[in-house]
Amino acid sequence: MPDRLTHLDDHGAARMVDVGGKAVSARRAVARATVVMGPQTAATVAAGDAPKGDVLSVARIAGILAAKRTGELIPLCHPLGLDHVDVDGVVDAAAGTVTLTATASTTARTGVEMEAMTAAGIAALTVYDMVKGLDKGVAIEQVVLLEKSGGRSGTWRRGPDGSG
């Protein structure tokens, strides 16, 4: 862990980190968002026949578009040229969940954790938007980084207990 937050200058003011001196390397991050709803609503999502259309396809595209715009959405993020972004959605109708997993990769001087998390989060919000007319109790319960690789700090993976 760093001794101080990297996005604060010596006086405590927010700043964008200067990554100009860092080595370019392959970077990859995977994030997950979980959306909880009633089993009937989840079954409708799984069937692909929600009133607003194919929920998972729209959520996937929304997540990809969001990852590409992360530098515009998160104030101190560096805009990155992404090499790849994907969002996968899995429905467990019996449990009433939609799990969205986003993967982002680039070759750059800084990581893509925020891009993966933004993709997962926006995909989850899109699921919410598309099913809110069917189920008022829908909740986005979690958006987490699952793993990251590349750069000076190497590889990190979330443990099965939720820790790093």
N, C-alpha and C. Protein backbone atom coordinates (compact mmCIF):
# COMPACT_ATOMS: atom_id res chain seq x y z
N MET A 1 0.84 -1.18 0.00
CA MET A 1 0.00 0.00 0.00
C MET A 1 0.89 1.24 0.00
N PRO A 2 0.52 2.25 -0.80
CA PRO A 2 1.30 3.49 -0.80
C PRO A 2 1.13 4.22 0.53
N ASP A 3 2.14 5.04 0.87
CA ASP A 3 2.08 5.81 2.11
C ASP A 3 1.01 6.89 2.07
N ARG A 4 0.63 7.31 0.86
CA ARG A 4 -0.38 8.36 0.72
C ARG A 4 -1.20 8.12 -0.54
N LEU A 5 -2.31 8.79 -0.62
CA LEU A 5 -3.16 8.66 -1.79
C LEU A 5 -2.49 9.35 -2.97
N THR A 6 -2.42 8.67 -4.10
CA THR A 6 -1.69 9.20 -5.25
C THR A 6 -2.42 10.32 -5.97
N HIS A 7 -3.71 10.47 -5.72
CA HIS A 7 -4.47 11.52 -6.41
C HIS A 7 -4.55 12.81 -5.59
N LEU A 8 -3.71 12.91 -4.56
CA LEU A 8 -3.64 14.15 -3.77
C LEU A 8 -2.23 14.70 -3.84
N ASP A 9 -2.12 16.03 -4.02
CA ASP A 9 -0.79 16.64 -4.03
C ASP A 9 -0.32 16.87 -2.60
N ASP A 10 0.83 17.51 -2.43
CA ASP A 10 1.40 17.73 -1.10
C ASP A 10 0.53 18.59 -0.20
N HIS A 11 -0.41 19.32 -0.78
CA HIS A 11 -1.29 20.18 0.00
C HIS A 11 -2.69 19.58 0.18
N GLY A 12 -2.88 18.35 -0.29
CA GLY A 12 -4.16 17.68 -0.14
C GLY A 12 -5.17 17.97 -1.24
N ALA A 13 -4.74 18.67 -2.29
CA ALA A 13 -5.65 18.97 -3.41
C ALA A 13 -5.68 17.80 -4.39
N ALA A 14 -6.85 17.57 -4.96
CA ALA A 14 -6.99 16.51 -5.95
C ALA A 14 -6.18 16.85 -7.19
N ARG A 15 -5.57 15.80 -7.79
CA ARG A 15 -4.78 16.00 -9.00
C ARG A 15 -4.80 14.71 -9.82
N MET A 16 -4.52 14.87 -11.10
CA MET A 16 -4.36 13.70 -11.95
C MET A 16 -2.92 13.23 -11.80
N VAL A 17 -2.72 11.93 -11.62
CA VAL A 17 -1.39 11.37 -11.45
C VAL A 17 -0.63 11.45 -12.77
N ASP A 18 0.64 11.84 -12.69
CA ASP A 18 1.49 11.89 -13.88
C ASP A 18 2.04 10.49 -14.12
N VAL A 19 1.61 9.86 -15.20
CA VAL A 19 2.05 8.51 -15.52
C VAL A 19 3.10 8.51 -16.64
N GLY A 20 3.55 9.71 -17.04
CA GLY A 20 4.47 9.84 -18.16
C GLY A 20 5.77 9.06 -18.00
N GLY A 21 6.25 8.88 -16.80
CA GLY A 21 7.49 8.17 -16.57
C GLY A 21 7.33 6.67 -16.39
N LYS A 22 6.10 6.19 -16.37
CA LYS A 22 5.86 4.76 -16.17
C LYS A 22 6.07 4.00 -17.48
N ALA A 23 6.46 2.76 -17.35
CA ALA A 23 6.66 1.91 -18.53
C ALA A 23 5.32 1.48 -19.11
N VAL A 24 5.26 1.41 -20.41
CA VAL A 24 4.08 0.88 -21.09
C VAL A 24 4.09 -0.63 -20.92
N SER A 25 2.95 -1.19 -20.53
CA SER A 25 2.85 -2.65 -20.41
C SER A 25 1.42 -3.08 -20.68
N ALA A 26 1.26 -4.36 -20.92
CA ALA A 26 -0.07 -4.92 -21.12
C ALA A 26 -0.80 -4.89 -19.78
N ARG A 27 -2.03 -4.39 -19.78
CA ARG A 27 -2.84 -4.27 -18.57
C ARG A 27 -4.18 -4.94 -18.84
N ARG A 28 -4.73 -5.57 -17.81
CA ARG A 28 -6.02 -6.25 -17.93
C ARG A 28 -6.72 -6.17 -16.59
N ALA A 29 -8.04 -6.01 -16.62
CA ALA A 29 -8.82 -6.00 -15.39
C ALA A 29 -10.17 -6.67 -15.65
N VAL A 30 -10.68 -7.31 -14.61
CA VAL A 30 -11.98 -7.97 -14.67
C VAL A 30 -12.79 -7.50 -13.47
N ALA A 31 -14.03 -7.08 -13.72
CA ALA A 31 -14.92 -6.62 -12.66
C ALA A 31 -16.27 -7.31 -12.80
N ARG A 32 -17.01 -7.33 -11.69
CA ARG A 32 -18.31 -7.98 -11.68
C ARG A 32 -19.35 -7.10 -11.00
N ALA A 33 -20.55 -7.11 -11.56
CA ALA A 33 -21.70 -6.45 -10.93
C ALA A 33 -22.80 -7.49 -10.79
N THR A 34 -23.52 -7.42 -9.69
CA THR A 34 -24.62 -8.35 -9.44
C THR A 34 -25.91 -7.56 -9.29
N VAL A 35 -26.91 -7.96 -10.08
CA VAL A 35 -28.23 -7.34 -10.03
C VAL A 35 -29.20 -8.39 -9.49
N VAL A 36 -29.96 -8.02 -8.47
CA VAL A 36 -30.89 -8.94 -7.83
C VAL A 36 -32.32 -8.50 -8.13
N MET A 37 -33.15 -9.47 -8.46
CA MET A 37 -34.56 -9.21 -8.81
C MET A 37 -35.37 -10.45 -8.49
N GLY A 38 -36.65 -10.37 -8.68
CA GLY A 38 -37.49 -11.53 -8.47
C GLY A 38 -37.20 -12.62 -9.50
N PRO A 39 -37.40 -13.89 -9.13
CA PRO A 39 -37.15 -15.00 -10.05
C PRO A 39 -37.93 -14.88 -11.36
N GLN A 40 -39.17 -14.39 -11.33
CA GLN A 40 -39.94 -14.26 -12.56
C GLN A 40 -39.33 -13.22 -13.48
N THR A 41 -38.86 -12.13 -12.92
CA THR A 41 -38.20 -11.10 -13.72
C THR A 41 -36.91 -11.64 -14.32
N ALA A 42 -36.13 -12.37 -13.52
CA ALA A 42 -34.89 -12.97 -14.03
C ALA A 42 -35.19 -13.97 -15.15
N ALA A 43 -36.26 -14.72 -15.01
CA ALA A 43 -36.64 -15.67 -16.06
C ALA A 43 -36.99 -14.93 -17.35
N THR A 44 -37.63 -13.78 -17.22
CA THR A 44 -37.96 -12.96 -18.40
C THR A 44 -36.68 -12.47 -19.07
N VAL A 45 -35.70 -12.05 -18.26
CA VAL A 45 -34.41 -11.62 -18.81
C VAL A 45 -33.74 -12.79 -19.52
N ALA A 46 -33.74 -13.95 -18.91
CA ALA A 46 -33.11 -15.14 -19.50
C ALA A 46 -33.77 -15.51 -20.82
N ALA A 47 -35.07 -15.35 -20.91
CA ALA A 47 -35.81 -15.69 -22.13
C ALA A 47 -35.58 -14.67 -23.24
N GLY A 48 -35.09 -13.50 -22.87
CA GLY A 48 -34.83 -12.46 -23.87
C GLY A 48 -36.07 -11.77 -24.37
N ASP A 49 -37.16 -11.83 -23.60
CA ASP A 49 -38.41 -11.23 -24.08
C ASP A 49 -39.01 -10.20 -23.12
N ALA A 50 -38.14 -9.40 -22.52
CA ALA A 50 -38.61 -8.31 -21.66
C ALA A 50 -39.31 -7.26 -22.53
N PRO A 51 -40.22 -6.48 -21.96
CA PRO A 51 -40.93 -5.47 -22.75
C PRO A 51 -40.02 -4.49 -23.50
N LYS A 52 -38.86 -4.16 -22.92
CA LYS A 52 -37.94 -3.23 -23.57
C LYS A 52 -36.96 -3.93 -24.50
N GLY A 53 -37.03 -5.26 -24.61
CA GLY A 53 -36.16 -5.98 -25.53
C GLY A 53 -35.20 -6.92 -24.84
N ASP A 54 -34.15 -7.28 -25.55
CA ASP A 54 -33.15 -8.23 -25.09
C ASP A 54 -32.23 -7.53 -24.08
N VAL A 55 -32.51 -7.74 -22.81
CA VAL A 55 -31.83 -7.03 -21.72
C VAL A 55 -30.32 -7.25 -21.75
N LEU A 56 -29.90 -8.49 -21.88
CA LEU A 56 -28.46 -8.78 -21.81
C LEU A 56 -27.69 -8.18 -22.98
N SER A 57 -28.26 -8.20 -24.17
CA SER A 57 -27.57 -7.60 -25.32
C SER A 57 -27.41 -6.10 -25.16
N VAL A 58 -28.45 -5.44 -24.71
CA VAL A 58 -28.38 -3.99 -24.53
C VAL A 58 -27.40 -3.66 -23.40
N ALA A 59 -27.44 -4.42 -22.30
CA ALA A 59 -26.52 -4.18 -21.18
C ALA A 59 -25.06 -4.37 -21.62
N ARG A 60 -24.83 -5.37 -22.44
CA ARG A 60 -23.47 -5.62 -22.93
C ARG A 60 -22.95 -4.43 -23.73
N ILE A 61 -23.74 -3.95 -24.65
CA ILE A 61 -23.32 -2.80 -25.46
C ILE A 61 -23.15 -1.55 -24.59
N ALA A 62 -24.06 -1.34 -23.65
CA ALA A 62 -23.94 -0.18 -22.75
C ALA A 62 -22.65 -0.24 -21.95
N GLY A 63 -22.29 -1.42 -21.46
CA GLY A 63 -21.06 -1.58 -20.70
C GLY A 63 -19.83 -1.29 -21.54
N ILE A 64 -19.82 -1.78 -22.76
CA ILE A 64 -18.68 -1.54 -23.66
C ILE A 64 -18.55 -0.04 -23.94
N LEU A 65 -19.66 0.60 -24.25
CA LEU A 65 -19.62 2.05 -24.51
C LEU A 65 -19.15 2.82 -23.28
N ALA A 66 -19.61 2.41 -22.10
CA ALA A 66 -19.21 3.10 -20.86
C ALA A 66 -17.71 2.97 -20.62
N ALA A 67 -17.16 1.78 -20.84
CA ALA A 67 -15.72 1.58 -20.63
C ALA A 67 -14.93 2.55 -21.50
N LYS A 68 -15.38 2.75 -22.72
CA LYS A 68 -14.69 3.64 -23.65
C LYS A 68 -14.75 5.10 -23.21
N ARG A 69 -15.70 5.44 -22.33
CA ARG A 69 -15.87 6.83 -21.90
C ARG A 69 -15.49 7.07 -20.44
N THR A 70 -14.82 6.11 -19.84
CA THR A 70 -14.48 6.22 -18.41
C THR A 70 -13.71 7.49 -18.10
N GLY A 71 -12.76 7.86 -18.94
CA GLY A 71 -11.97 9.07 -18.69
C GLY A 71 -12.82 10.34 -18.67
N GLU A 72 -13.98 10.30 -19.31
CA GLU A 72 -14.90 11.45 -19.28
C GLU A 72 -15.81 11.41 -18.04
N LEU A 73 -16.04 10.23 -17.51
CA LEU A 73 -16.99 10.06 -16.41
C LEU A 73 -16.35 10.17 -15.03
N ILE A 74 -15.13 9.68 -14.88
CA ILE A 74 -14.43 9.68 -13.60
C ILE A 74 -13.38 10.79 -13.69
N PRO A 75 -13.51 11.84 -12.89
CA PRO A 75 -12.73 13.06 -13.09
C PRO A 75 -11.21 12.91 -13.19
N LEU A 76 -10.59 12.03 -12.43
CA LEU A 76 -9.13 11.96 -12.44
C LEU A 76 -8.58 10.75 -13.20
N CYS A 77 -9.43 10.05 -13.92
CA CYS A 77 -8.98 8.91 -14.74
C CYS A 77 -8.32 9.41 -16.01
N HIS A 78 -7.31 8.68 -16.43
CA HIS A 78 -6.67 8.98 -17.71
C HIS A 78 -7.52 8.39 -18.83
N PRO A 79 -7.72 9.14 -19.90
CA PRO A 79 -8.40 8.55 -21.05
C PRO A 79 -7.47 7.50 -21.67
N LEU A 80 -8.00 6.31 -21.91
CA LEU A 80 -7.18 5.22 -22.43
C LEU A 80 -7.71 4.73 -23.77
N GLY A 81 -6.79 4.36 -24.63
CA GLY A 81 -7.15 3.63 -25.82
C GLY A 81 -7.26 2.17 -25.44
N LEU A 82 -8.44 1.63 -25.49
CA LEU A 82 -8.65 0.25 -25.06
C LEU A 82 -8.38 -0.71 -26.21
N ASP A 83 -7.72 -1.80 -25.90
CA ASP A 83 -7.48 -2.85 -26.90
C ASP A 83 -8.68 -3.78 -26.99
N HIS A 84 -9.37 -3.97 -25.86
CA HIS A 84 -10.50 -4.90 -25.84
C HIS A 84 -11.38 -4.61 -24.62
N VAL A 85 -12.67 -4.74 -24.83
CA VAL A 85 -13.65 -4.69 -23.73
C VAL A 85 -14.72 -5.71 -24.06
N ASP A 86 -15.13 -6.46 -23.05
CA ASP A 86 -16.25 -7.37 -23.22
C ASP A 86 -17.05 -7.40 -21.94
N VAL A 87 -18.34 -7.62 -22.09
CA VAL A 87 -19.25 -7.76 -20.95
C VAL A 87 -20.07 -9.02 -21.17
N ASP A 88 -20.04 -9.90 -20.20
CA ASP A 88 -20.78 -11.15 -20.27
C ASP A 88 -21.85 -11.14 -19.19
N GLY A 89 -23.05 -11.54 -19.54
CA GLY A 89 -24.15 -11.60 -18.59
C GLY A 89 -24.64 -13.01 -18.39
N VAL A 90 -24.81 -13.40 -17.12
CA VAL A 90 -25.32 -14.72 -16.78
C VAL A 90 -26.53 -14.55 -15.87
N VAL A 91 -27.62 -15.21 -16.23
CA VAL A 91 -28.85 -15.13 -15.45
C VAL A 91 -29.03 -16.42 -14.66
N ASP A 92 -29.32 -16.29 -13.38
CA ASP A 92 -29.74 -17.41 -12.55
C ASP A 92 -31.18 -17.10 -12.15
N ALA A 93 -32.12 -17.63 -12.94
CA ALA A 93 -33.53 -17.29 -12.73
C ALA A 93 -34.01 -17.73 -11.36
N ALA A 94 -33.62 -18.91 -10.91
CA ALA A 94 -34.08 -19.42 -9.62
C ALA A 94 -33.61 -18.51 -8.48
N ALA A 95 -32.38 -18.01 -8.57
CA ALA A 95 -31.85 -17.12 -7.53
C ALA A 95 -32.28 -15.67 -7.73
N GLY A 96 -32.79 -15.36 -8.93
CA GLY A 96 -33.20 -13.99 -9.23
C GLY A 96 -32.02 -13.05 -9.39
N THR A 97 -30.95 -13.53 -10.06
CA THR A 97 -29.78 -12.68 -10.24
C THR A 97 -29.35 -12.61 -11.70
N VAL A 98 -28.77 -11.47 -12.02
CA VAL A 98 -28.05 -11.29 -13.28
C VAL A 98 -26.64 -10.86 -12.88
N THR A 99 -25.66 -11.65 -13.28
CA THR A 99 -24.27 -11.35 -12.97
C THR A 99 -23.60 -10.89 -14.25
N LEU A 100 -23.01 -9.71 -14.19
CA LEU A 100 -22.35 -9.09 -15.34
C LEU A 100 -20.86 -9.04 -15.06
N THR A 101 -20.08 -9.63 -15.95
CA THR A 101 -18.63 -9.64 -15.79
C THR A 101 -18.02 -8.89 -16.96
N ALA A 102 -17.24 -7.88 -16.62
CA ALA A 102 -16.61 -7.02 -17.64
C ALA A 102 -15.10 -7.23 -17.62
N THR A 103 -14.53 -7.35 -18.80
CA THR A 103 -13.09 -7.48 -18.96
C THR A 103 -12.61 -6.34 -19.86
N ALA A 104 -11.55 -5.68 -19.42
CA ALA A 104 -10.96 -4.60 -20.22
C ALA A 104 -9.46 -4.83 -20.31
N SER A 105 -8.89 -4.52 -21.46
CA SER A 105 -7.44 -4.64 -21.60
C SER A 105 -6.90 -3.52 -22.48
N THR A 106 -5.64 -3.20 -22.23
CA THR A 106 -4.95 -2.17 -22.99
C THR A 106 -3.45 -2.39 -22.86
N THR A 107 -2.70 -1.70 -23.67
CA THR A 107 -1.25 -1.61 -23.52
C THR A 107 -0.99 -0.13 -23.27
N ALA A 108 -0.63 0.19 -22.02
CA ALA A 108 -0.56 1.60 -21.62
C ALA A 108 0.33 1.77 -20.39
N ARG A 109 0.35 3.01 -19.88
CA ARG A 109 1.13 3.36 -18.70
C ARG A 109 0.32 3.28 -17.41
N THR A 110 -0.97 3.02 -17.52
CA THR A 110 -1.83 2.94 -16.34
C THR A 110 -2.87 1.85 -16.56
N GLY A 111 -3.43 1.38 -15.47
CA GLY A 111 -4.32 0.22 -15.52
C GLY A 111 -5.73 0.51 -15.99
N VAL A 112 -6.49 -0.55 -16.18
CA VAL A 112 -7.85 -0.47 -16.71
C VAL A 112 -8.90 -0.93 -15.70
N GLU A 113 -8.56 -0.87 -14.41
CA GLU A 113 -9.54 -1.27 -13.38
C GLU A 113 -10.81 -0.43 -13.45
N MET A 114 -10.65 0.88 -13.61
CA MET A 114 -11.83 1.75 -13.63
C MET A 114 -12.68 1.49 -14.87
N GLU A 115 -12.04 1.17 -15.99
CA GLU A 115 -12.80 0.87 -17.21
C GLU A 115 -13.62 -0.41 -17.02
N ALA A 116 -13.01 -1.44 -16.43
CA ALA A 116 -13.75 -2.69 -16.19
C ALA A 116 -14.89 -2.46 -15.20
N MET A 117 -14.63 -1.72 -14.13
CA MET A 117 -15.68 -1.47 -13.14
C MET A 117 -16.79 -0.59 -13.70
N THR A 118 -16.42 0.40 -14.52
CA THR A 118 -17.43 1.25 -15.15
C THR A 118 -18.30 0.43 -16.10
N ALA A 119 -17.67 -0.45 -16.86
CA ALA A 119 -18.43 -1.30 -17.78
C ALA A 119 -19.42 -2.17 -17.00
N ALA A 120 -18.96 -2.80 -15.93
CA ALA A 120 -19.84 -3.66 -15.13
C ALA A 120 -20.96 -2.84 -14.48
N GLY A 121 -20.62 -1.69 -13.94
CA GLY A 121 -21.62 -0.85 -13.28
C GLY A 121 -22.68 -0.31 -14.21
N ILE A 122 -22.27 0.17 -15.37
CA ILE A 122 -23.24 0.70 -16.34
C ILE A 122 -24.07 -0.43 -16.94
N ALA A 123 -23.47 -1.58 -17.15
CA ALA A 123 -24.25 -2.74 -17.62
C ALA A 123 -25.32 -3.09 -16.59
N ALA A 124 -24.96 -3.05 -15.31
CA ALA A 124 -25.93 -3.33 -14.24
C ALA A 124 -27.04 -2.28 -14.20
N LEU A 125 -26.69 -1.01 -14.34
CA LEU A 125 -27.70 0.04 -14.37
C LEU A 125 -28.62 -0.12 -15.58
N THR A 126 -28.08 -0.60 -16.67
CA THR A 126 -28.89 -0.84 -17.87
C THR A 126 -29.89 -1.97 -17.63
N VAL A 127 -29.44 -3.04 -16.97
CA VAL A 127 -30.37 -4.12 -16.61
C VAL A 127 -31.48 -3.54 -15.74
N TYR A 128 -31.10 -2.76 -14.74
CA TYR A 128 -32.09 -2.14 -13.86
C TYR A 128 -33.11 -1.34 -14.67
N ASP A 129 -32.61 -0.49 -15.56
CA ASP A 129 -33.49 0.36 -16.36
C ASP A 129 -34.45 -0.47 -17.21
N MET A 130 -33.96 -1.55 -17.75
CA MET A 130 -34.79 -2.34 -18.66
C MET A 130 -35.83 -3.21 -17.97
N VAL A 131 -35.64 -3.47 -16.66
CA VAL A 131 -36.61 -4.33 -15.97
C VAL A 131 -37.38 -3.62 -14.86
N LYS A 132 -37.10 -2.36 -14.63
CA LYS A 132 -37.76 -1.64 -13.52
C LYS A 132 -39.27 -1.60 -13.67
N GLY A 133 -39.78 -1.67 -14.89
CA GLY A 133 -41.23 -1.69 -15.09
C GLY A 133 -41.85 -3.03 -14.71
N LEU A 134 -41.04 -4.07 -14.65
CA LEU A 134 -41.53 -5.40 -14.27
C LEU A 134 -41.39 -5.67 -12.78
N ASP A 135 -40.41 -5.01 -12.16
CA ASP A 135 -40.05 -5.36 -10.78
C ASP A 135 -39.51 -4.11 -10.09
N LYS A 136 -40.26 -3.57 -9.16
CA LYS A 136 -39.84 -2.35 -8.46
C LYS A 136 -38.75 -2.61 -7.43
N GLY A 137 -38.50 -3.86 -7.08
CA GLY A 137 -37.53 -4.19 -6.03
C GLY A 137 -36.15 -4.54 -6.54
N VAL A 138 -35.86 -4.28 -7.80
CA VAL A 138 -34.54 -4.62 -8.36
C VAL A 138 -33.46 -3.83 -7.61
N ALA A 139 -32.32 -4.51 -7.36
CA ALA A 139 -31.22 -3.85 -6.65
C ALA A 139 -29.89 -4.25 -7.28
N ILE A 140 -29.02 -3.26 -7.39
CA ILE A 140 -27.64 -3.54 -7.77
C ILE A 140 -26.90 -3.72 -6.46
N GLU A 141 -26.48 -4.94 -6.20
CA GLU A 141 -25.93 -5.25 -4.89
C GLU A 141 -24.43 -5.16 -4.78
N GLN A 142 -23.75 -5.23 -5.90
CA GLN A 142 -22.30 -5.25 -5.80
C GLN A 142 -21.66 -4.90 -7.14
N VAL A 143 -20.61 -4.08 -7.08
CA VAL A 143 -19.72 -3.85 -8.21
C VAL A 143 -18.32 -3.97 -7.62
N VAL A 144 -17.57 -4.99 -8.06
CA VAL A 144 -16.25 -5.23 -7.47
C VAL A 144 -15.22 -5.56 -8.54
N LEU A 145 -13.99 -5.24 -8.24
CA LEU A 145 -12.87 -5.66 -9.05
C LEU A 145 -12.55 -7.10 -8.67
N LEU A 146 -12.46 -7.98 -9.65
CA LEU A 146 -12.13 -9.38 -9.40
C LEU A 146 -10.64 -9.65 -9.55
N GLU A 147 -10.04 -9.00 -10.56
CA GLU A 147 -8.60 -9.19 -10.77
C GLU A 147 -8.05 -8.09 -11.66
N LYS A 148 -6.76 -7.88 -11.55
CA LYS A 148 -6.04 -6.95 -12.41
C LYS A 148 -4.65 -7.50 -12.63
N SER A 149 -4.09 -7.19 -13.79
CA SER A 149 -2.72 -7.61 -14.06
C SER A 149 -2.02 -6.54 -14.88
N GLY A 150 -0.69 -6.58 -14.80
CA GLY A 150 0.14 -5.64 -15.53
C GLY A 150 0.62 -4.51 -14.65
N GLY A 151 1.60 -3.81 -15.15
CA GLY A 151 2.13 -2.67 -14.41
C GLY A 151 3.06 -3.09 -13.29
N ARG A 152 3.51 -2.11 -12.54
CA ARG A 152 4.48 -2.31 -11.48
C ARG A 152 3.97 -3.23 -10.37
N SER A 153 2.68 -3.14 -10.05
CA SER A 153 2.15 -3.94 -8.94
C SER A 153 1.80 -5.37 -9.33
N GLY A 154 1.90 -5.71 -10.61
CA GLY A 154 1.69 -7.10 -11.02
C GLY A 154 0.25 -7.55 -10.99
N THR A 155 0.05 -8.78 -10.59
CA THR A 155 -1.27 -9.39 -10.62
C THR A 155 -1.90 -9.38 -9.23
N TRP A 156 -3.19 -9.08 -9.19
CA TRP A 156 -3.98 -9.12 -7.95
C TRP A 156 -5.29 -9.83 -8.26
N ARG A 157 -5.73 -10.69 -7.36
CA ARG A 157 -7.02 -11.38 -7.49
C ARG A 157 -7.78 -11.33 -6.19
N ARG A 158 -9.09 -11.08 -6.30
CA ARG A 158 -9.96 -11.12 -5.13
C ARG A 158 -10.06 -12.56 -4.67
N GLY A 159 -9.93 -12.78 -3.38
CA GLY A 159 -10.03 -14.12 -2.83
C GLY A 159 -11.47 -14.60 -2.75
N PRO A 160 -11.67 -15.88 -2.53
CA PRO A 160 -13.03 -16.43 -2.45
C PRO A 160 -13.84 -15.82 -1.30
N ASP A 161 -13.15 -15.31 -0.29
CA ASP A 161 -13.84 -14.70 0.84
C ASP A 161 -14.11 -13.21 0.61
N GLY A 162 -13.73 -12.70 -0.58
CA GLY A 162 -13.96 -11.29 -0.91
C GLY A 162 -12.77 -10.41 -0.67
N SER A 163 -11.72 -10.96 -0.05
CA SER A 163 -10.53 -10.15 0.23
C SER A 163 -9.56 -10.20 -0.94
N GLY A 164 -8.56 -9.34 -0.87
CA GLY A 164 -7.55 -9.30 -1.94
C GLY A 164 -6.37 -10.17 -1.66
